[in-house]
Amino acid sequence: MNKSDILNYKDYRAFLADYNSWRNETRTGWSLSTWTRHLGLAYPSALSMILNKKRHVGDKLLQTFCEYFEFNENEKAHFTNLVKYEKSIESTTLRVMVLNYLDGEKKNSLARYIVREGLRMPRFEDTESLAEVLAPILGIKPQEILNLEPGVPEKPDPKSMHQEVLGLLDRSFDLVPKESRQYSTNFIRMKPERLQEAITKLRAFQREFITEFDAEDGESLVCFQNAVFTMLKEESKPELPSTKLN
């Protein structure tokens, strides 16, 4: 087991338990009491209580764990935030803030972008008023919107953003009047070699559409979404049998 494994965990207690199990298997005479002494703790039961979810890791012990595992800055930050998250279970606001940090821009990446654009509109004087309006269609609470960091994610997770788009379209069907939305889907037959040409043309249309309709003084926030993808798996060409010269 490597200390950097902590980056693969979303529960710090699971990491500590796995470390303890690994030590039991690889070091003769290992026990929680032994580990307690190595950490400089006064009470042998401290680790047992932490692993059994009967107490949280305090600030002093948190620092001790980081020094014991010799975490680098990234590992230390991750471990620290896992501890903060566990402590925040009773606090909705803190839990949302910590989860957003842990997930980086993978979580609510589309929502961050929407909030950024909304705040640039003259009709909204503050984030609170924007959050109240956006909450139903984004599918998250106003307070969760307030905890988001507005902006365009540099490296959004494609799958997470795709799921956000699907949720947004689904909610908009019930929340947005028919005359204020336009959905269309077509299935066409296309020669495989023209697919990239079609994608390039759609991107060009998207740029042209945005140039024409995007306005600094716009009073409506509009979702413009399009997609082109092949639905059939390309068949691989069969390999010809090899021939050997006699």
C-alpha atoms as a PDB file:
ATOM      1  CA  MET A   1       0.000   0.000   0.000  1.00  0.00           C
ATOM      2  CA  ASN A   2       1.285   3.460  -0.911  1.00  0.00           C
ATOM      3  CA  LYS A   3       0.514   6.724   0.902  1.00  0.00           C
ATOM      4  CA  SER A   4      -0.500   8.282  -2.424  1.00  0.00           C
ATOM      5  CA  ASP A   5      -3.426   5.829  -2.475  1.00  0.00           C
ATOM      6  CA  ILE A   6      -5.258   8.395  -0.341  1.00  0.00           C
ATOM      7  CA  LEU A   7      -6.068  10.260  -3.581  1.00  0.00           C
ATOM      8  CA  ASN A   8      -8.251   7.316  -4.622  1.00  0.00           C
ATOM      9  CA  TYR A   9     -10.360   7.441  -1.453  1.00  0.00           C
ATOM     10  CA  LYS A  10     -13.549   9.384  -0.685  1.00  0.00           C
ATOM     11  CA  ASP A  11     -13.615   8.200   2.952  1.00  0.00           C
ATOM     12  CA  TYR A  12     -10.574   8.851   5.125  1.00  0.00           C
ATOM     13  CA  ARG A  13     -11.613   6.140   7.613  1.00  0.00           C
ATOM     14  CA  ALA A  14     -11.570   3.548   4.832  1.00  0.00           C
ATOM     15  CA  PHE A  15      -8.011   4.612   4.005  1.00  0.00           C
ATOM     16  CA  LEU A  16      -6.930   4.289   7.665  1.00  0.00           C
ATOM     17  CA  ALA A  17      -8.647   0.904   7.996  1.00  0.00           C
ATOM     18  CA  ASP A  18      -6.985  -0.409   4.825  1.00  0.00           C
ATOM     19  CA  TYR A  19      -3.618   0.848   6.034  1.00  0.00           C
ATOM     20  CA  ASN A  20      -4.109  -0.904   9.382  1.00  0.00           C
ATOM     21  CA  SER A  21      -5.074  -4.164   7.654  1.00  0.00           C
ATOM     22  CA  TRP A  22      -2.038  -3.932   5.382  1.00  0.00           C
ATOM     23  CA  ARG A  23       0.254  -3.388   8.381  1.00  0.00           C
ATOM     24  CA  ASN A  24      -1.275  -6.377  10.160  1.00  0.00           C
ATOM     25  CA  GLU A  25      -0.454  -8.550   7.163  1.00  0.00           C
ATOM     26  CA  THR A  26       3.068  -7.255   6.559  1.00  0.00           C
ATOM     27  CA  ARG A  27       4.446  -6.504  10.046  1.00  0.00           C
ATOM     28  CA  THR A  28       4.645  -8.949  12.921  1.00  0.00           C
ATOM     29  CA  GLY A  29       3.271  -7.640  16.195  1.00  0.00           C
ATOM     30  CA  TRP A  30       1.338  -4.797  14.618  1.00  0.00           C
ATOM     31  CA  SER A  31      -1.768  -3.599  16.474  1.00  0.00           C
ATOM     32  CA  LEU A  32      -3.782  -0.459  17.059  1.00  0.00           C
ATOM     33  CA  SER A  33      -1.861  -0.004  20.303  1.00  0.00           C
ATOM     34  CA  THR A  34       1.400  -0.098  18.346  1.00  0.00           C
ATOM     35  CA  TRP A  35       0.079   2.439  15.872  1.00  0.00           C
ATOM     36  CA  THR A  36      -1.146   4.605  18.747  1.00  0.00           C
ATOM     37  CA  ARG A  37       2.377   4.766  20.170  1.00  0.00           C
ATOM     38  CA  HIS A  38       3.842   5.643  16.777  1.00  0.00           C
ATOM     39  CA  LEU A  39       1.393   8.527  16.528  1.00  0.00           C
ATOM     40  CA  GLY A  40       2.169   9.715  20.048  1.00  0.00           C
ATOM     41  CA  LEU A  41      -1.424   9.420  21.241  1.00  0.00           C
ATOM     42  CA  ALA A  42      -2.141   9.191  24.963  1.00  0.00           C
ATOM     43  CA  TYR A  43      -5.148   6.866  24.733  1.00  0.00           C
ATOM     44  CA  PRO A  44      -4.967   3.498  22.907  1.00  0.00           C
ATOM     45  CA  SER A  45      -8.725   3.635  22.297  1.00  0.00           C
ATOM     46  CA  ALA A  46      -8.462   6.821  20.207  1.00  0.00           C
ATOM     47  CA  LEU A  47      -7.781   5.072  16.914  1.00  0.00           C
ATOM     48  CA  SER A  48     -10.427   2.440  17.562  1.00  0.00           C
ATOM     49  CA  MET A  49     -13.042   5.138  18.187  1.00  0.00           C
ATOM     50  CA  ILE A  50     -12.088   6.937  14.964  1.00  0.00           C
ATOM     51  CA  LEU A  51     -12.243   3.771  12.858  1.00  0.00           C
ATOM     52  CA  ASN A  52     -15.601   2.872  14.411  1.00  0.00           C
ATOM     53  CA  LYS A  53     -17.029   6.333  13.675  1.00  0.00           C
ATOM     54  CA  LYS A  54     -17.384   7.232  17.342  1.00  0.00           C
ATOM     55  CA  ARG A  55     -15.218  10.333  17.093  1.00  0.00           C
ATOM     56  CA  HIS A  56     -13.722  12.601  14.451  1.00  0.00           C
ATOM     57  CA  VAL A  57     -10.085  13.371  13.792  1.00  0.00           C
ATOM     58  CA  GLY A  58      -9.191  16.618  15.559  1.00  0.00           C
ATOM     59  CA  ASP A  59      -6.963  19.331  14.131  1.00  0.00           C
ATOM     60  CA  LYS A  60      -3.896  18.189  16.079  1.00  0.00           C
ATOM     61  CA  LEU A  61      -4.319  14.529  15.107  1.00  0.00           C
ATOM     62  CA  LEU A  62      -4.995  15.579  11.528  1.00  0.00           C
ATOM     63  CA  GLN A  63      -1.581  17.212  11.395  1.00  0.00           C
ATOM     64  CA  THR A  64      -0.048  14.148  13.075  1.00  0.00           C
ATOM     65  CA  PHE A  65      -1.533  11.825  10.442  1.00  0.00           C
ATOM     66  CA  CYS A  66      -0.217  14.033   7.623  1.00  0.00           C
ATOM     67  CA  GLU A  67       3.282  13.945   9.118  1.00  0.00           C
ATOM     68  CA  TYR A  68       3.092  10.205   9.816  1.00  0.00           C
ATOM     69  CA  PHE A  69       2.155   9.389   6.210  1.00  0.00           C
ATOM     70  CA  GLU A  70       4.513  12.078   4.886  1.00  0.00           C
ATOM     71  CA  PHE A  71       1.781  13.401   2.601  1.00  0.00           C
ATOM     72  CA  ASN A  72       2.788  15.893  -0.071  1.00  0.00           C
ATOM     73  CA  GLU A  73       0.692  19.079  -0.425  1.00  0.00           C
ATOM     74  CA  ASN A  74      -1.848  17.484  -2.767  1.00  0.00           C
ATOM     75  CA  GLU A  75      -2.274  14.386  -0.614  1.00  0.00           C
ATOM     76  CA  LYS A  76      -2.484  16.474   2.552  1.00  0.00           C
ATOM     77  CA  ALA A  77      -5.183  18.703   1.043  1.00  0.00           C
ATOM     78  CA  HIS A  78      -7.215  15.690  -0.050  1.00  0.00           C
ATOM     79  CA  PHE A  79      -6.976  13.958   3.325  1.00  0.00           C
ATOM     80  CA  THR A  80      -7.827  17.203   5.128  1.00  0.00           C
ATOM     81  CA  ASN A  81     -10.934  17.755   3.028  1.00  0.00           C
ATOM     82  CA  LEU A  82     -12.099  14.186   3.559  1.00  0.00           C
ATOM     83  CA  VAL A  83     -11.918  14.838   7.303  1.00  0.00           C
ATOM     84  CA  LYS A  84     -13.755  18.152   6.874  1.00  0.00           C
ATOM     85  CA  TYR A  85     -16.471  16.444   4.873  1.00  0.00           C
ATOM     86  CA  GLU A  86     -17.128  13.876   7.593  1.00  0.00           C
ATOM     87  CA  LYS A  87     -17.402  16.686  10.138  1.00  0.00           C
ATOM     88  CA  SER A  88     -19.804  18.565   7.889  1.00  0.00           C
ATOM     89  CA  ILE A  89     -22.471  15.838   7.664  1.00  0.00           C
ATOM     90  CA  GLU A  90     -24.794  17.897   9.878  1.00  0.00           C
ATOM     91  CA  SER A  91     -24.083  21.101   7.940  1.00  0.00           C
ATOM     92  CA  THR A  92     -25.639  21.213   4.470  1.00  0.00           C
ATOM     93  CA  THR A  93     -23.804  24.375   3.438  1.00  0.00           C
ATOM     94  CA  LEU A  94     -20.367  23.137   4.503  1.00  0.00           C
ATOM     95  CA  ARG A  95     -20.992  19.718   2.967  1.00  0.00           C
ATOM     96  CA  VAL A  96     -21.818  21.240  -0.402  1.00  0.00           C
ATOM     97  CA  MET A  97     -18.745  23.471  -0.267  1.00  0.00           C
ATOM     98  CA  VAL A  98     -16.427  20.574   0.555  1.00  0.00           C
ATOM     99  CA  LEU A  99     -17.932  18.263  -2.056  1.00  0.00           C
ATOM    100  CA  ASN A 100     -17.586  20.939  -4.707  1.00  0.00           C
ATOM    101  CA  TYR A 101     -13.934  21.335  -3.769  1.00  0.00           C
ATOM    102  CA  LEU A 102     -13.265  17.592  -3.742  1.00  0.00           C
ATOM    103  CA  ASP A 103     -14.878  17.088  -7.127  1.00  0.00           C
ATOM    104  CA  GLY A 104     -13.215  20.165  -8.588  1.00  0.00           C
ATOM    105  CA  GLU A 105     -14.905  21.298 -11.768  1.00  0.00           C
ATOM    106  CA  LYS A 106     -16.335  17.869 -12.526  1.00  0.00           C
ATOM    107  CA  LYS A 107     -19.331  18.661 -10.340  1.00  0.00           C
ATOM    108  CA  ASN A 108     -21.819  21.242 -11.623  1.00  0.00           C
ATOM    109  CA  SER A 109     -19.457  22.443 -14.346  1.00  0.00           C
ATOM    110  CA  LEU A 110     -22.393  23.475 -16.520  1.00  0.00           C
ATOM    111  CA  ALA A 111     -24.094  25.209 -13.598  1.00  0.00           C
ATOM    112  CA  ARG A 112     -20.929  27.235 -12.906  1.00  0.00           C
ATOM    113  CA  TYR A 113     -20.954  28.423 -16.522  1.00  0.00           C
ATOM    114  CA  ILE A 114     -24.661  29.307 -16.389  1.00  0.00           C
ATOM    115  CA  VAL A 115     -24.226  31.276 -13.147  1.00  0.00           C
ATOM    116  CA  ARG A 116     -21.293  33.155 -14.699  1.00  0.00           C
ATOM    117  CA  GLU A 117     -23.388  34.214 -17.682  1.00  0.00           C
ATOM    118  CA  GLY A 118     -26.388  35.064 -15.528  1.00  0.00           C
ATOM    119  CA  LEU A 119     -24.371  37.395 -13.308  1.00  0.00           C
ATOM    120  CA  ARG A 120     -23.341  39.360 -16.377  1.00  0.00           C
ATOM    121  CA  MET A 121     -26.971  40.259 -17.066  1.00  0.00           C
ATOM    122  CA  PRO A 122     -28.156  43.720 -15.902  1.00  0.00           C
ATOM    123  CA  ARG A 123     -31.428  42.380 -14.474  1.00  0.00           C
ATOM    124  CA  PHE A 124     -29.659  40.509 -11.654  1.00  0.00           C
ATOM    125  CA  GLU A 125     -28.110  42.706  -8.995  1.00  0.00           C
ATOM    126  CA  ASP A 126     -26.713  39.845  -6.916  1.00  0.00           C
ATOM    127  CA  THR A 127     -26.205  36.075  -6.893  1.00  0.00           C
ATOM    128  CA  GLU A 128     -29.120  35.544  -4.488  1.00  0.00           C
ATOM    129  CA  SER A 129     -31.715  36.812  -6.954  1.00  0.00           C
ATOM    130  CA  LEU A 130     -30.165  34.793  -9.781  1.00  0.00           C
ATOM    131  CA  ALA A 131     -30.034  31.629  -7.646  1.00  0.00           C
ATOM    132  CA  GLU A 132     -33.747  31.813  -6.881  1.00  0.00           C
ATOM    133  CA  VAL A 133     -34.602  31.925 -10.583  1.00  0.00           C
ATOM    134  CA  LEU A 134     -32.116  29.291 -11.716  1.00  0.00           C
ATOM    135  CA  ALA A 135     -32.713  26.740  -8.942  1.00  0.00           C
ATOM    136  CA  PRO A 136     -35.738  24.958 -10.529  1.00  0.00           C
ATOM    137  CA  ILE A 137     -34.231  24.475 -13.966  1.00  0.00           C
ATOM    138  CA  LEU A 138     -30.753  23.570 -12.643  1.00  0.00           C
ATOM    139  CA  GLY A 139     -32.322  21.081 -10.254  1.00  0.00           C
ATOM    140  CA  ILE A 140     -30.297  22.247  -7.236  1.00  0.00           C
ATOM    141  CA  LYS A 141     -31.142  24.380  -4.219  1.00  0.00           C
ATOM    142  CA  PRO A 142     -30.523  28.157  -4.241  1.00  0.00           C
ATOM    143  CA  GLN A 143     -27.995  27.776  -1.406  1.00  0.00           C
ATOM    144  CA  GLU A 144     -26.051  25.213  -3.451  1.00  0.00           C
ATOM    145  CA  ILE A 145     -25.938  27.680  -6.346  1.00  0.00           C
ATOM    146  CA  LEU A 146     -24.568  30.358  -4.010  1.00  0.00           C
ATOM    147  CA  ASN A 147     -21.765  27.978  -3.037  1.00  0.00           C
ATOM    148  CA  LEU A 148     -20.664  27.489  -6.657  1.00  0.00           C
ATOM    149  CA  GLU A 149     -17.696  29.364  -8.056  1.00  0.00           C
ATOM    150  CA  PRO A 150     -18.944  31.053 -11.266  1.00  0.00           C
ATOM    151  CA  GLY A 151     -16.769  30.529 -14.309  1.00  0.00           C
ATOM    152  CA  VAL A 152     -15.999  28.467 -17.383  1.00  0.00           C
ATOM    153  CA  PRO A 153     -14.317  25.210 -16.321  1.00  0.00           C
ATOM    154  CA  GLU A 154     -10.907  24.760 -17.926  1.00  0.00           C
ATOM    155  CA  LYS A 155     -11.037  20.963 -17.949  1.00  0.00           C
ATOM    156  CA  PRO A 156     -14.638  19.838 -17.387  1.00  0.00           C
ATOM    157  CA  ASP A 157     -15.391  16.136 -17.181  1.00  0.00           C
ATOM    158  CA  PRO A 158     -17.187  15.330 -20.485  1.00  0.00           C
ATOM    159  CA  LYS A 159     -19.477  12.684 -19.004  1.00  0.00           C
ATOM    160  CA  SER A 160     -20.470  14.837 -16.017  1.00  0.00           C
ATOM    161  CA  MET A 161     -21.258  17.780 -18.292  1.00  0.00           C
ATOM    162  CA  HIS A 162     -23.246  15.516 -20.626  1.00  0.00           C
ATOM    163  CA  GLN A 163     -25.359  14.319 -17.699  1.00  0.00           C
ATOM    164  CA  GLU A 164     -25.956  17.924 -16.636  1.00  0.00           C
ATOM    165  CA  VAL A 165     -27.144  18.817 -20.136  1.00  0.00           C
ATOM    166  CA  LEU A 166     -29.574  15.882 -20.171  1.00  0.00           C
ATOM    167  CA  GLY A 167     -30.969  16.926 -16.790  1.00  0.00           C
ATOM    168  CA  LEU A 168     -31.320  20.515 -17.931  1.00  0.00           C
ATOM    169  CA  LEU A 169     -33.202  19.505 -21.089  1.00  0.00           C
ATOM    170  CA  ASP A 170     -35.451  17.164 -19.121  1.00  0.00           C
ATOM    171  CA  ARG A 171     -36.443  19.827 -16.567  1.00  0.00           C
ATOM    172  CA  SER A 172     -36.862  22.508 -19.232  1.00  0.00           C
ATOM    173  CA  PHE A 173     -39.562  20.424 -20.925  1.00  0.00           C
ATOM    174  CA  ASP A 174     -41.880  20.981 -17.954  1.00  0.00           C
ATOM    175  CA  LEU A 175     -40.672  24.405 -16.810  1.00  0.00           C
ATOM    176  CA  VAL A 176     -40.297  26.313 -20.078  1.00  0.00           C
ATOM    177  CA  PRO A 177     -43.409  27.153 -22.170  1.00  0.00           C
ATOM    178  CA  LYS A 178     -43.510  25.413 -25.538  1.00  0.00           C
ATOM    179  CA  GLU A 179     -43.344  28.709 -27.431  1.00  0.00           C
ATOM    180  CA  SER A 180     -40.091  29.553 -25.593  1.00  0.00           C
ATOM    181  CA  ARG A 181     -38.191  26.418 -26.525  1.00  0.00           C
ATOM    182  CA  GLN A 182     -37.293  24.435 -29.629  1.00  0.00           C
ATOM    183  CA  TYR A 183     -36.226  20.802 -29.646  1.00  0.00           C
ATOM    184  CA  SER A 184     -35.563  18.825 -32.765  1.00  0.00           C
ATOM    185  CA  THR A 185     -34.007  15.443 -33.438  1.00  0.00           C
ATOM    186  CA  ASN A 186     -33.328  13.846 -36.800  1.00  0.00           C
ATOM    187  CA  PHE A 187     -31.747  10.564 -37.781  1.00  0.00           C
ATOM    188  CA  ILE A 188     -30.108  10.610 -41.187  1.00  0.00           C
ATOM    189  CA  ARG A 189     -27.985   8.268 -43.239  1.00  0.00           C
ATOM    190  CA  MET A 190     -24.516   9.581 -43.869  1.00  0.00           C
ATOM    191  CA  LYS A 191     -21.392   8.354 -45.555  1.00  0.00           C
ATOM    192  CA  PRO A 192     -18.756   7.745 -42.844  1.00  0.00           C
ATOM    193  CA  GLU A 193     -16.156   9.864 -44.589  1.00  0.00           C
ATOM    194  CA  ARG A 194     -18.442  12.931 -44.354  1.00  0.00           C
ATOM    195  CA  LEU A 195     -18.981  12.791 -40.581  1.00  0.00           C
ATOM    196  CA  GLN A 196     -16.046  15.063 -39.765  1.00  0.00           C
ATOM    197  CA  GLU A 197     -17.230  17.499 -42.427  1.00  0.00           C
ATOM    198  CA  ALA A 198     -20.674  17.570 -40.799  1.00  0.00           C
ATOM    199  CA  ILE A 199     -19.170  18.237 -37.363  1.00  0.00           C
ATOM    200  CA  THR A 200     -17.047  21.069 -38.729  1.00  0.00           C
ATOM    201  CA  LYS A 201     -20.061  22.630 -40.419  1.00  0.00           C
ATOM    202  CA  LEU A 202     -22.168  22.400 -37.261  1.00  0.00           C
ATOM    203  CA  ARG A 203     -19.416  24.096 -35.233  1.00  0.00           C
ATOM    204  CA  ALA A 204     -19.255  26.879 -37.815  1.00  0.00           C
ATOM    205  CA  PHE A 205     -23.029  27.329 -37.575  1.00  0.00           C
ATOM    206  CA  GLN A 206     -22.774  27.452 -33.789  1.00  0.00           C
ATOM    207  CA  ARG A 207     -20.187  30.248 -33.958  1.00  0.00           C
ATOM    208  CA  GLU A 208     -22.325  32.130 -36.467  1.00  0.00           C
ATOM    209  CA  PHE A 209     -25.459  31.704 -34.320  1.00  0.00           C
ATOM    210  CA  ILE A 210     -23.703  32.961 -31.182  1.00  0.00           C
ATOM    211  CA  THR A 211     -22.204  35.933 -33.015  1.00  0.00           C
ATOM    212  CA  GLU A 212     -25.633  36.980 -34.275  1.00  0.00           C
ATOM    213  CA  PHE A 213     -27.724  36.501 -31.142  1.00  0.00           C
ATOM    214  CA  ASP A 214     -25.393  36.904 -28.149  1.00  0.00           C
ATOM    215  CA  ALA A 215     -25.930  40.414 -26.745  1.00  0.00           C
ATOM    216  CA  GLU A 216     -24.195  42.189 -23.864  1.00  0.00           C
ATOM    217  CA  ASP A 217     -27.488  43.809 -22.853  1.00  0.00           C
ATOM    218  CA  GLY A 218     -29.522  40.602 -23.283  1.00  0.00           C
ATOM    219  CA  GLU A 219     -32.278  40.084 -20.699  1.00  0.00           C
ATOM    220  CA  SER A 220     -32.862  36.372 -21.363  1.00  0.00           C
ATOM    221  CA  LEU A 221     -30.452  33.536 -20.621  1.00  0.00           C
ATOM    222  CA  VAL A 222     -30.856  30.979 -23.405  1.00  0.00           C
ATOM    223  CA  CYS A 223     -29.541  27.433 -23.737  1.00  0.00           C
ATOM    224  CA  PHE A 224     -28.254  26.609 -27.230  1.00  0.00           C
ATOM    225  CA  GLN A 225     -27.386  22.923 -27.491  1.00  0.00           C
ATOM    226  CA  ASN A 226     -26.604  20.672 -30.445  1.00  0.00           C
ATOM    227  CA  ALA A 227     -25.179  17.221 -31.010  1.00  0.00           C
ATOM    228  CA  VAL A 228     -23.995  15.050 -33.869  1.00  0.00           C
ATOM    229  CA  PHE A 229     -22.700  11.535 -33.344  1.00  0.00           C
ATOM    230  CA  THR A 230     -22.610   8.229 -35.154  1.00  0.00           C
ATOM    231  CA  MET A 231     -24.898   5.549 -33.735  1.00  0.00           C
ATOM    232  CA  LEU A 232     -23.399   2.524 -35.399  1.00  0.00           C
ATOM    233  CA  LYS A 233     -20.121   0.945 -34.438  1.00  0.00           C
ATOM    234  CA  GLU A 234     -17.754   1.019 -37.368  1.00  0.00           C
ATOM    235  CA  GLU A 235     -17.018  -2.438 -38.622  1.00  0.00           C
ATOM    236  CA  SER A 236     -13.386  -3.344 -38.788  1.00  0.00           C
ATOM    237  CA  LYS A 237     -12.205  -4.611 -42.125  1.00  0.00           C
ATOM    238  CA  PRO A 238     -11.405  -8.338 -42.036  1.00  0.00           C
ATOM    239  CA  GLU A 239      -7.734  -9.140 -42.275  1.00  0.00           C
ATOM    240  CA  LEU A 240      -6.680 -11.068 -45.322  1.00  0.00           C
ATOM    241  CA  PRO A 241      -4.979 -14.398 -44.646  1.00  0.00           C
ATOM    242  CA  SER A 242      -1.213 -14.112 -44.821  1.00  0.00           C
ATOM    243  CA  THR A 243       0.624 -16.030 -47.524  1.00  0.00           C
ATOM    244  CA  LYS A 244       4.068 -17.475 -47.199  1.00  0.00           C
ATOM    245  CA  LEU A 245       6.428 -17.968 -50.085  1.00  0.00           C
ATOM    246  CA  ASN A 246       7.821 -21.468 -50.408  1.00  0.00           C
END
